[in-house]
Amino acid sequence: MITVYGGKQYRKIIKKVFNYTVRHFGLKKICAELSFVDDSTIRDINARTRNEDSVTDVLSFPSEDNFLERYKNKEINSKSPFNPYKTKIYLGEIIIDESVLLKQAQNMNITPQKRCAQLTLHSLLHLLGYDHCGDEEKISMWNKEEEILKPLNCDDISREKYV
């Protein structure tokens, strides 16, 4: 289950991406939150949490480090004191700047819904423990994004930021 705040026009694709991703990884009783914000809000959050005073497209706040590995080892359960959903395992929070999403979709010549799907998946992978700091991590995350986005018909993504 993913709870979406704002972005009513994107809720269907967000839920589709979330549900497909959860099934893809064999996860059960997982939940997350996704919020849409404006430029000033994401800039403020980015400055406070990452020490980067700039607007960005999406931010991810995982509830646990190395989620997938720890989930598979049964080290994570729904009883965390930080979990707002006591019957499900809380994956974390995603924050998307809708105006950046719209600009990127236009620049990429794709629909805003497709761009939203791409950003949602990218952030979900961060919540699960994927990253793109080194070359191997970039390739692994890129491949996983394509693997999941292809069946959802959303795999026409620009990789310029990874190069």
N, C-alpha and C. Protein backbone atom coordinates (compact mmCIF):
# COMPACT_ATOMS: atom_id res chain seq x y z
N MET A 1 0.84 -1.17 0.00
CA MET A 1 0.00 0.00 0.00
C MET A 1 0.89 1.24 0.00
N ILE A 2 0.55 2.20 -0.84
CA ILE A 2 1.25 3.47 -0.83
C ILE A 2 0.22 4.58 -0.64
N THR A 3 0.49 5.45 0.29
CA THR A 3 -0.37 6.59 0.56
C THR A 3 0.21 7.78 -0.20
N VAL A 4 -0.64 8.43 -1.00
CA VAL A 4 -0.19 9.54 -1.84
C VAL A 4 -0.87 10.82 -1.37
N TYR A 5 -0.04 11.82 -1.11
CA TYR A 5 -0.53 13.13 -0.70
C TYR A 5 -0.34 14.10 -1.87
N GLY A 6 -1.46 14.62 -2.39
CA GLY A 6 -1.41 15.50 -3.56
C GLY A 6 -1.31 14.66 -4.82
N GLY A 7 -1.12 15.34 -5.95
CA GLY A 7 -0.90 14.64 -7.22
C GLY A 7 -1.98 13.64 -7.59
N LYS A 8 -3.23 14.03 -7.41
CA LYS A 8 -4.36 13.12 -7.66
C LYS A 8 -4.28 12.49 -9.05
N GLN A 9 -3.85 13.25 -10.06
CA GLN A 9 -3.80 12.74 -11.43
C GLN A 9 -2.73 11.66 -11.62
N TYR A 10 -1.84 11.48 -10.64
CA TYR A 10 -0.77 10.49 -10.76
C TYR A 10 -1.01 9.24 -9.90
N ARG A 11 -2.03 9.24 -9.11
CA ARG A 11 -2.21 8.16 -8.13
C ARG A 11 -2.31 6.78 -8.77
N LYS A 12 -2.99 6.69 -9.88
CA LYS A 12 -3.15 5.38 -10.53
C LYS A 12 -1.80 4.80 -10.95
N ILE A 13 -0.95 5.59 -11.60
CA ILE A 13 0.34 5.09 -12.06
C ILE A 13 1.26 4.84 -10.87
N ILE A 14 1.19 5.66 -9.84
CA ILE A 14 2.02 5.45 -8.65
C ILE A 14 1.68 4.11 -8.00
N LYS A 15 0.40 3.84 -7.84
CA LYS A 15 -0.02 2.57 -7.22
C LYS A 15 0.37 1.39 -8.10
N LYS A 16 0.27 1.56 -9.41
CA LYS A 16 0.66 0.49 -10.33
C LYS A 16 2.15 0.19 -10.20
N VAL A 17 2.98 1.23 -10.19
CA VAL A 17 4.43 1.06 -10.05
C VAL A 17 4.76 0.44 -8.69
N PHE A 18 4.14 0.95 -7.64
CA PHE A 18 4.40 0.43 -6.30
C PHE A 18 4.03 -1.05 -6.20
N ASN A 19 2.83 -1.39 -6.61
CA ASN A 19 2.37 -2.79 -6.50
C ASN A 19 3.22 -3.72 -7.35
N TYR A 20 3.57 -3.30 -8.56
CA TYR A 20 4.40 -4.14 -9.43
C TYR A 20 5.79 -4.34 -8.81
N THR A 21 6.36 -3.28 -8.26
CA THR A 21 7.70 -3.35 -7.67
C THR A 21 7.69 -4.26 -6.44
N VAL A 22 6.70 -4.12 -5.60
CA VAL A 22 6.59 -4.96 -4.40
C VAL A 22 6.49 -6.44 -4.80
N ARG A 23 5.66 -6.74 -5.80
CA ARG A 23 5.55 -8.13 -6.28
C ARG A 23 6.87 -8.59 -6.90
N HIS A 24 7.50 -7.72 -7.67
CA HIS A 24 8.76 -8.05 -8.34
C HIS A 24 9.81 -8.54 -7.33
N PHE A 25 9.86 -7.89 -6.18
CA PHE A 25 10.84 -8.25 -5.15
C PHE A 25 10.31 -9.27 -4.15
N GLY A 26 9.06 -9.70 -4.31
CA GLY A 26 8.49 -10.69 -3.41
C GLY A 26 8.24 -10.17 -2.00
N LEU A 27 7.93 -8.90 -1.90
CA LEU A 27 7.70 -8.29 -0.59
C LEU A 27 6.23 -8.42 -0.20
N LYS A 28 5.99 -8.56 1.09
CA LYS A 28 4.62 -8.68 1.59
C LYS A 28 4.40 -7.67 2.71
N LYS A 29 3.17 -7.17 2.78
CA LYS A 29 2.76 -6.22 3.83
C LYS A 29 3.69 -5.02 3.92
N ILE A 30 3.94 -4.40 2.77
CA ILE A 30 4.82 -3.25 2.67
C ILE A 30 3.98 -1.99 2.44
N CYS A 31 4.40 -0.88 3.04
CA CYS A 31 3.72 0.38 2.79
C CYS A 31 4.75 1.50 2.69
N ALA A 32 4.35 2.58 2.05
CA ALA A 32 5.21 3.75 1.88
C ALA A 32 4.31 4.97 1.73
N GLU A 33 4.94 6.14 1.75
CA GLU A 33 4.22 7.39 1.55
C GLU A 33 4.90 8.18 0.44
N LEU A 34 4.10 8.90 -0.32
CA LEU A 34 4.61 9.75 -1.39
C LEU A 34 3.88 11.07 -1.33
N SER A 35 4.64 12.16 -1.33
CA SER A 35 4.06 13.50 -1.27
C SER A 35 4.54 14.33 -2.45
N PHE A 36 3.64 15.14 -2.98
CA PHE A 36 3.99 16.11 -4.02
C PHE A 36 4.16 17.47 -3.35
N VAL A 37 5.23 18.16 -3.72
CA VAL A 37 5.52 19.47 -3.13
C VAL A 37 5.92 20.45 -4.23
N ASP A 38 6.08 21.70 -3.84
CA ASP A 38 6.52 22.73 -4.79
C ASP A 38 8.03 22.94 -4.68
N ASP A 39 8.56 23.82 -5.54
CA ASP A 39 10.00 24.07 -5.59
C ASP A 39 10.58 24.52 -4.25
N SER A 40 9.92 25.48 -3.61
CA SER A 40 10.48 26.01 -2.36
C SER A 40 10.50 24.95 -1.25
N THR A 41 9.49 24.11 -1.23
CA THR A 41 9.43 23.06 -0.20
C THR A 41 10.52 22.02 -0.41
N ILE A 42 10.68 21.56 -1.65
CA ILE A 42 11.71 20.55 -1.89
C ILE A 42 13.11 21.13 -1.70
N ARG A 43 13.27 22.39 -2.06
CA ARG A 43 14.57 23.05 -1.85
C ARG A 43 14.89 23.10 -0.36
N ASP A 44 13.92 23.46 0.45
CA ASP A 44 14.10 23.53 1.90
C ASP A 44 14.43 22.15 2.48
N ILE A 45 13.68 21.14 2.06
CA ILE A 45 13.92 19.78 2.55
C ILE A 45 15.30 19.30 2.11
N ASN A 46 15.66 19.58 0.88
CA ASN A 46 16.96 19.19 0.34
C ASN A 46 18.10 19.87 1.12
N ALA A 47 17.91 21.13 1.45
CA ALA A 47 18.93 21.87 2.21
C ALA A 47 19.06 21.32 3.64
N ARG A 48 17.93 21.04 4.27
CA ARG A 48 17.96 20.55 5.65
C ARG A 48 18.47 19.12 5.77
N THR A 49 18.14 18.28 4.80
CA THR A 49 18.47 16.86 4.94
C THR A 49 19.74 16.43 4.21
N ARG A 50 20.08 17.14 3.14
CA ARG A 50 21.24 16.73 2.34
C ARG A 50 22.29 17.84 2.21
N ASN A 51 22.02 18.97 2.86
CA ASN A 51 22.94 20.10 2.79
C ASN A 51 23.14 20.60 1.36
N GLU A 52 22.10 20.45 0.55
CA GLU A 52 22.14 20.90 -0.85
C GLU A 52 21.04 21.94 -1.03
N ASP A 53 21.44 23.18 -1.21
CA ASP A 53 20.48 24.28 -1.35
C ASP A 53 20.07 24.41 -2.81
N SER A 54 19.29 23.43 -3.27
CA SER A 54 18.84 23.43 -4.66
C SER A 54 17.54 22.65 -4.79
N VAL A 55 16.85 22.94 -5.87
CA VAL A 55 15.63 22.21 -6.22
C VAL A 55 16.05 20.90 -6.87
N THR A 56 15.32 19.85 -6.58
CA THR A 56 15.58 18.54 -7.19
C THR A 56 14.25 17.90 -7.57
N ASP A 57 14.30 16.84 -8.35
CA ASP A 57 13.05 16.22 -8.80
C ASP A 57 12.41 15.33 -7.74
N VAL A 58 13.24 14.54 -7.04
CA VAL A 58 12.69 13.58 -6.09
C VAL A 58 13.68 13.35 -4.95
N LEU A 59 13.13 13.15 -3.77
CA LEU A 59 13.92 12.80 -2.59
C LEU A 59 13.36 11.51 -2.00
N SER A 60 14.25 10.70 -1.46
CA SER A 60 13.86 9.42 -0.85
C SER A 60 14.35 9.38 0.58
N PHE A 61 13.48 8.94 1.46
CA PHE A 61 13.84 8.81 2.87
C PHE A 61 13.49 7.40 3.35
N PRO A 62 14.46 6.48 3.24
CA PRO A 62 14.21 5.09 3.64
C PRO A 62 14.01 4.98 5.15
N SER A 63 13.16 4.07 5.54
CA SER A 63 12.95 3.82 6.97
C SER A 63 14.08 2.97 7.54
N GLU A 64 14.74 2.21 6.70
CA GLU A 64 15.80 1.29 7.13
C GLU A 64 16.93 1.31 6.11
N ASP A 65 18.15 1.14 6.56
CA ASP A 65 19.28 0.93 5.65
C ASP A 65 19.24 -0.50 5.14
N ASN A 66 19.69 -0.69 3.92
CA ASN A 66 19.77 -2.05 3.32
C ASN A 66 18.46 -2.82 3.49
N PHE A 67 17.37 -2.18 3.13
CA PHE A 67 16.05 -2.75 3.38
C PHE A 67 15.90 -4.17 2.83
N LEU A 68 16.20 -4.37 1.54
CA LEU A 68 15.98 -5.68 0.93
C LEU A 68 16.73 -6.79 1.65
N GLU A 69 18.00 -6.54 1.90
CA GLU A 69 18.82 -7.54 2.58
C GLU A 69 18.28 -7.84 3.97
N ARG A 70 17.94 -6.81 4.70
CA ARG A 70 17.44 -6.99 6.06
C ARG A 70 16.04 -7.62 6.07
N TYR A 71 15.23 -7.29 5.08
CA TYR A 71 13.89 -7.89 4.96
C TYR A 71 14.01 -9.39 4.71
N LYS A 72 14.89 -9.75 3.78
CA LYS A 72 15.08 -11.17 3.45
C LYS A 72 15.63 -11.95 4.64
N ASN A 73 16.42 -11.29 5.48
CA ASN A 73 16.96 -11.94 6.68
C ASN A 73 16.01 -11.86 7.87
N LYS A 74 14.79 -11.37 7.62
CA LYS A 74 13.74 -11.23 8.64
C LYS A 74 14.18 -10.35 9.82
N GLU A 75 15.00 -9.34 9.51
CA GLU A 75 15.45 -8.40 10.53
C GLU A 75 14.53 -7.20 10.64
N ILE A 76 13.59 -7.09 9.72
CA ILE A 76 12.68 -5.94 9.69
C ILE A 76 11.26 -6.46 9.87
N ASN A 77 10.50 -5.77 10.73
CA ASN A 77 9.09 -6.13 10.89
C ASN A 77 8.28 -4.86 11.10
N SER A 78 7.00 -5.02 11.31
CA SER A 78 6.10 -3.87 11.41
C SER A 78 6.11 -3.23 12.80
N LYS A 79 6.90 -3.73 13.72
CA LYS A 79 6.85 -3.24 15.09
C LYS A 79 7.82 -2.10 15.40
N SER A 80 8.46 -1.54 14.38
CA SER A 80 9.37 -0.42 14.58
C SER A 80 8.61 0.76 15.21
N PRO A 81 9.23 1.43 16.17
CA PRO A 81 8.54 2.58 16.79
C PRO A 81 8.34 3.74 15.82
N PHE A 82 9.06 3.74 14.69
CA PHE A 82 8.94 4.81 13.70
C PHE A 82 7.91 4.49 12.63
N ASN A 83 7.26 3.36 12.73
CA ASN A 83 6.32 2.90 11.71
C ASN A 83 4.93 3.47 11.97
N PRO A 84 4.41 4.32 11.07
CA PRO A 84 3.07 4.85 11.26
C PRO A 84 1.97 3.83 10.93
N TYR A 85 2.33 2.71 10.29
CA TYR A 85 1.36 1.68 9.89
C TYR A 85 1.72 0.40 10.63
N LYS A 86 1.10 0.13 11.72
CA LYS A 86 1.52 -0.96 12.60
C LYS A 86 1.27 -2.37 12.05
N THR A 87 0.45 -2.51 11.02
CA THR A 87 0.19 -3.85 10.47
C THR A 87 1.00 -4.13 9.22
N LYS A 88 1.73 -3.14 8.75
CA LYS A 88 2.56 -3.29 7.55
C LYS A 88 3.97 -2.81 7.85
N ILE A 89 4.91 -3.22 7.03
CA ILE A 89 6.29 -2.78 7.18
C ILE A 89 6.47 -1.49 6.40
N TYR A 90 6.92 -0.47 7.09
CA TYR A 90 7.06 0.86 6.50
C TYR A 90 8.38 0.97 5.75
N LEU A 91 8.28 1.21 4.45
CA LEU A 91 9.44 1.31 3.57
C LEU A 91 10.10 2.69 3.65
N GLY A 92 9.30 3.74 3.74
CA GLY A 92 9.84 5.09 3.82
C GLY A 92 8.99 6.09 3.07
N GLU A 93 9.59 7.24 2.82
CA GLU A 93 8.86 8.35 2.20
C GLU A 93 9.55 8.84 0.93
N ILE A 94 8.72 9.19 -0.04
CA ILE A 94 9.16 9.75 -1.32
C ILE A 94 8.55 11.15 -1.42
N ILE A 95 9.37 12.10 -1.87
CA ILE A 95 8.87 13.45 -2.09
C ILE A 95 9.22 13.86 -3.52
N ILE A 96 8.20 14.23 -4.28
CA ILE A 96 8.38 14.62 -5.69
C ILE A 96 7.97 16.08 -5.87
N ASP A 97 8.81 16.82 -6.59
CA ASP A 97 8.49 18.19 -6.97
C ASP A 97 7.73 18.12 -8.29
N GLU A 98 6.45 18.44 -8.24
CA GLU A 98 5.61 18.30 -9.43
C GLU A 98 6.02 19.22 -10.57
N SER A 99 6.48 20.42 -10.27
CA SER A 99 6.87 21.32 -11.35
C SER A 99 8.12 20.81 -12.07
N VAL A 100 9.05 20.21 -11.33
CA VAL A 100 10.23 19.61 -11.97
C VAL A 100 9.81 18.40 -12.80
N LEU A 101 8.92 17.59 -12.26
CA LEU A 101 8.39 16.43 -12.99
C LEU A 101 7.81 16.89 -14.33
N LEU A 102 7.01 17.94 -14.32
CA LEU A 102 6.36 18.43 -15.54
C LEU A 102 7.39 18.94 -16.55
N LYS A 103 8.39 19.68 -16.08
CA LYS A 103 9.45 20.18 -16.97
C LYS A 103 10.24 19.02 -17.57
N GLN A 104 10.57 18.03 -16.75
CA GLN A 104 11.33 16.89 -17.24
C GLN A 104 10.52 16.11 -18.28
N ALA A 105 9.25 15.90 -18.01
CA ALA A 105 8.40 15.18 -18.96
C ALA A 105 8.38 15.91 -20.31
N GLN A 106 8.23 17.21 -20.26
CA GLN A 106 8.22 17.99 -21.50
C GLN A 106 9.56 17.87 -22.22
N ASN A 107 10.67 18.02 -21.50
CA ASN A 107 12.00 17.92 -22.10
C ASN A 107 12.29 16.53 -22.66
N MET A 108 11.73 15.51 -22.03
CA MET A 108 11.94 14.12 -22.46
C MET A 108 10.92 13.69 -23.51
N ASN A 109 9.93 14.58 -23.76
CA ASN A 109 8.85 14.28 -24.72
C ASN A 109 8.07 13.02 -24.34
N ILE A 110 7.74 12.93 -23.04
CA ILE A 110 6.91 11.84 -22.54
C ILE A 110 5.79 12.45 -21.71
N THR A 111 4.82 11.65 -21.35
CA THR A 111 3.71 12.15 -20.55
C THR A 111 4.16 12.37 -19.10
N PRO A 112 3.50 13.28 -18.40
CA PRO A 112 3.82 13.46 -16.98
C PRO A 112 3.61 12.17 -16.17
N GLN A 113 2.62 11.36 -16.57
CA GLN A 113 2.37 10.10 -15.86
C GLN A 113 3.57 9.14 -15.99
N LYS A 114 4.15 9.09 -17.20
CA LYS A 114 5.34 8.25 -17.39
C LYS A 114 6.50 8.75 -16.55
N ARG A 115 6.69 10.05 -16.55
CA ARG A 115 7.80 10.60 -15.76
C ARG A 115 7.57 10.35 -14.27
N CYS A 116 6.33 10.46 -13.86
CA CYS A 116 5.99 10.17 -12.47
C CYS A 116 6.30 8.71 -12.14
N ALA A 117 5.97 7.80 -13.06
CA ALA A 117 6.28 6.38 -12.86
C ALA A 117 7.78 6.17 -12.70
N GLN A 118 8.56 6.84 -13.54
CA GLN A 118 10.01 6.70 -13.49
C GLN A 118 10.57 7.24 -12.18
N LEU A 119 10.12 8.41 -11.76
CA LEU A 119 10.61 8.99 -10.51
C LEU A 119 10.19 8.16 -9.30
N THR A 120 8.96 7.65 -9.35
CA THR A 120 8.47 6.81 -8.26
C THR A 120 9.32 5.55 -8.13
N LEU A 121 9.56 4.89 -9.24
CA LEU A 121 10.37 3.67 -9.19
C LEU A 121 11.79 3.97 -8.73
N HIS A 122 12.38 5.03 -9.29
CA HIS A 122 13.74 5.39 -8.90
C HIS A 122 13.83 5.56 -7.38
N SER A 123 12.86 6.27 -6.84
CA SER A 123 12.86 6.51 -5.40
C SER A 123 12.56 5.24 -4.62
N LEU A 124 11.65 4.41 -5.11
CA LEU A 124 11.38 3.13 -4.44
C LEU A 124 12.64 2.28 -4.36
N LEU A 125 13.42 2.27 -5.43
CA LEU A 125 14.66 1.50 -5.41
C LEU A 125 15.62 2.06 -4.35
N HIS A 126 15.65 3.37 -4.19
CA HIS A 126 16.46 3.94 -3.11
C HIS A 126 15.94 3.47 -1.75
N LEU A 127 14.63 3.45 -1.58
CA LEU A 127 14.06 2.99 -0.31
C LEU A 127 14.42 1.53 -0.03
N LEU A 128 14.56 0.75 -1.10
CA LEU A 128 14.89 -0.67 -0.96
C LEU A 128 16.39 -0.90 -0.74
N GLY A 129 17.19 0.14 -0.93
CA GLY A 129 18.62 0.00 -0.68
C GLY A 129 19.51 0.17 -1.89
N TYR A 130 18.93 0.40 -3.06
CA TYR A 130 19.74 0.66 -4.26
C TYR A 130 20.30 2.07 -4.20
N ASP A 131 21.45 2.26 -4.86
CA ASP A 131 22.04 3.58 -4.95
C ASP A 131 22.78 3.70 -6.27
N HIS A 132 23.27 4.89 -6.59
CA HIS A 132 24.00 5.09 -7.84
C HIS A 132 25.22 5.97 -7.63
N CYS A 133 25.97 5.67 -6.57
CA CYS A 133 27.19 6.44 -6.27
C CYS A 133 28.36 6.00 -7.14
N GLY A 134 28.59 4.71 -7.25
CA GLY A 134 29.68 4.19 -8.08
C GLY A 134 29.17 3.66 -9.40
N ASP A 135 30.09 3.39 -10.31
CA ASP A 135 29.70 2.91 -11.65
C ASP A 135 28.91 1.60 -11.59
N GLU A 136 29.36 0.65 -10.78
CA GLU A 136 28.64 -0.63 -10.67
C GLU A 136 27.23 -0.43 -10.13
N GLU A 137 27.10 0.42 -9.10
CA GLU A 137 25.79 0.70 -8.53
C GLU A 137 24.88 1.38 -9.55
N LYS A 138 25.43 2.32 -10.33
CA LYS A 138 24.65 3.00 -11.36
C LYS A 138 24.08 2.00 -12.35
N ILE A 139 24.95 1.12 -12.83
CA ILE A 139 24.52 0.14 -13.83
C ILE A 139 23.48 -0.80 -13.25
N SER A 140 23.71 -1.26 -12.02
CA SER A 140 22.75 -2.16 -11.37
C SER A 140 21.39 -1.50 -11.19
N MET A 141 21.40 -0.26 -10.73
CA MET A 141 20.13 0.45 -10.52
C MET A 141 19.46 0.75 -11.85
N TRP A 142 20.23 1.16 -12.83
CA TRP A 142 19.71 1.45 -14.16
C TRP A 142 19.05 0.19 -14.74
N ASN A 143 19.73 -0.94 -14.67
CA ASN A 143 19.19 -2.19 -15.19
C ASN A 143 17.90 -2.59 -14.46
N LYS A 144 17.88 -2.41 -13.15
CA LYS A 144 16.68 -2.76 -12.38
C LYS A 144 15.52 -1.84 -12.76
N GLU A 145 15.80 -0.54 -12.96
CA GLU A 145 14.75 0.38 -13.40
C GLU A 145 14.17 -0.06 -14.73
N GLU A 146 15.04 -0.36 -15.69
CA GLU A 146 14.56 -0.79 -17.01
C GLU A 146 13.77 -2.08 -16.92
N GLU A 147 14.25 -3.02 -16.11
CA GLU A 147 13.57 -4.31 -15.95
C GLU A 147 12.15 -4.14 -15.43
N ILE A 148 11.96 -3.21 -14.51
CA ILE A 148 10.63 -3.00 -13.93
C ILE A 148 9.78 -2.07 -14.79
N LEU A 149 10.38 -1.06 -15.39
CA LEU A 149 9.61 -0.10 -16.18
C LEU A 149 9.14 -0.65 -17.52
N LYS A 150 9.90 -1.58 -18.09
CA LYS A 150 9.55 -2.11 -19.41
C LYS A 150 8.14 -2.73 -19.44
N PRO A 151 7.80 -3.65 -18.53
CA PRO A 151 6.43 -4.21 -18.56
C PRO A 151 5.34 -3.17 -18.29
N LEU A 152 5.73 -2.04 -17.67
CA LEU A 152 4.77 -0.98 -17.39
C LEU A 152 4.70 0.04 -18.52
N ASN A 153 5.47 -0.21 -19.60
CA ASN A 153 5.54 0.67 -20.77
C ASN A 153 6.01 2.07 -20.40
N CYS A 154 6.98 2.15 -19.50
CA CYS A 154 7.50 3.45 -19.04
C CYS A 154 9.02 3.49 -19.08
N ASP A 155 9.63 2.68 -19.94
CA ASP A 155 11.09 2.53 -19.91
C ASP A 155 11.84 3.50 -20.82
N ASP A 156 11.16 4.46 -21.42
CA ASP A 156 11.84 5.43 -22.29
C ASP A 156 12.38 6.57 -21.43
N ILE A 157 13.48 6.26 -20.75
CA ILE A 157 14.04 7.17 -19.76
C ILE A 157 15.42 7.65 -20.19
N SER A 158 15.71 8.90 -19.89
CA SER A 158 17.01 9.48 -20.20
C SER A 158 18.03 9.05 -19.15
N ARG A 159 19.19 8.64 -19.58
CA ARG A 159 20.25 8.22 -18.65
C ARG A 159 21.38 9.24 -18.55
N GLU A 160 21.14 10.46 -19.04
CA GLU A 160 22.18 11.48 -19.03
C GLU A 160 22.74 11.72 -17.64
N LYS A 161 21.88 11.72 -16.61
CA LYS A 161 22.36 12.03 -15.27
C LYS A 161 23.23 10.92 -14.70
N TYR A 162 23.18 9.73 -15.30
CA TYR A 162 23.98 8.62 -14.80
C TYR A 162 25.37 8.60 -15.42
N VAL A 163 25.54 9.26 -16.53
CA VAL A 163 26.80 9.19 -17.26
C VAL A 163 27.85 10.07 -16.63
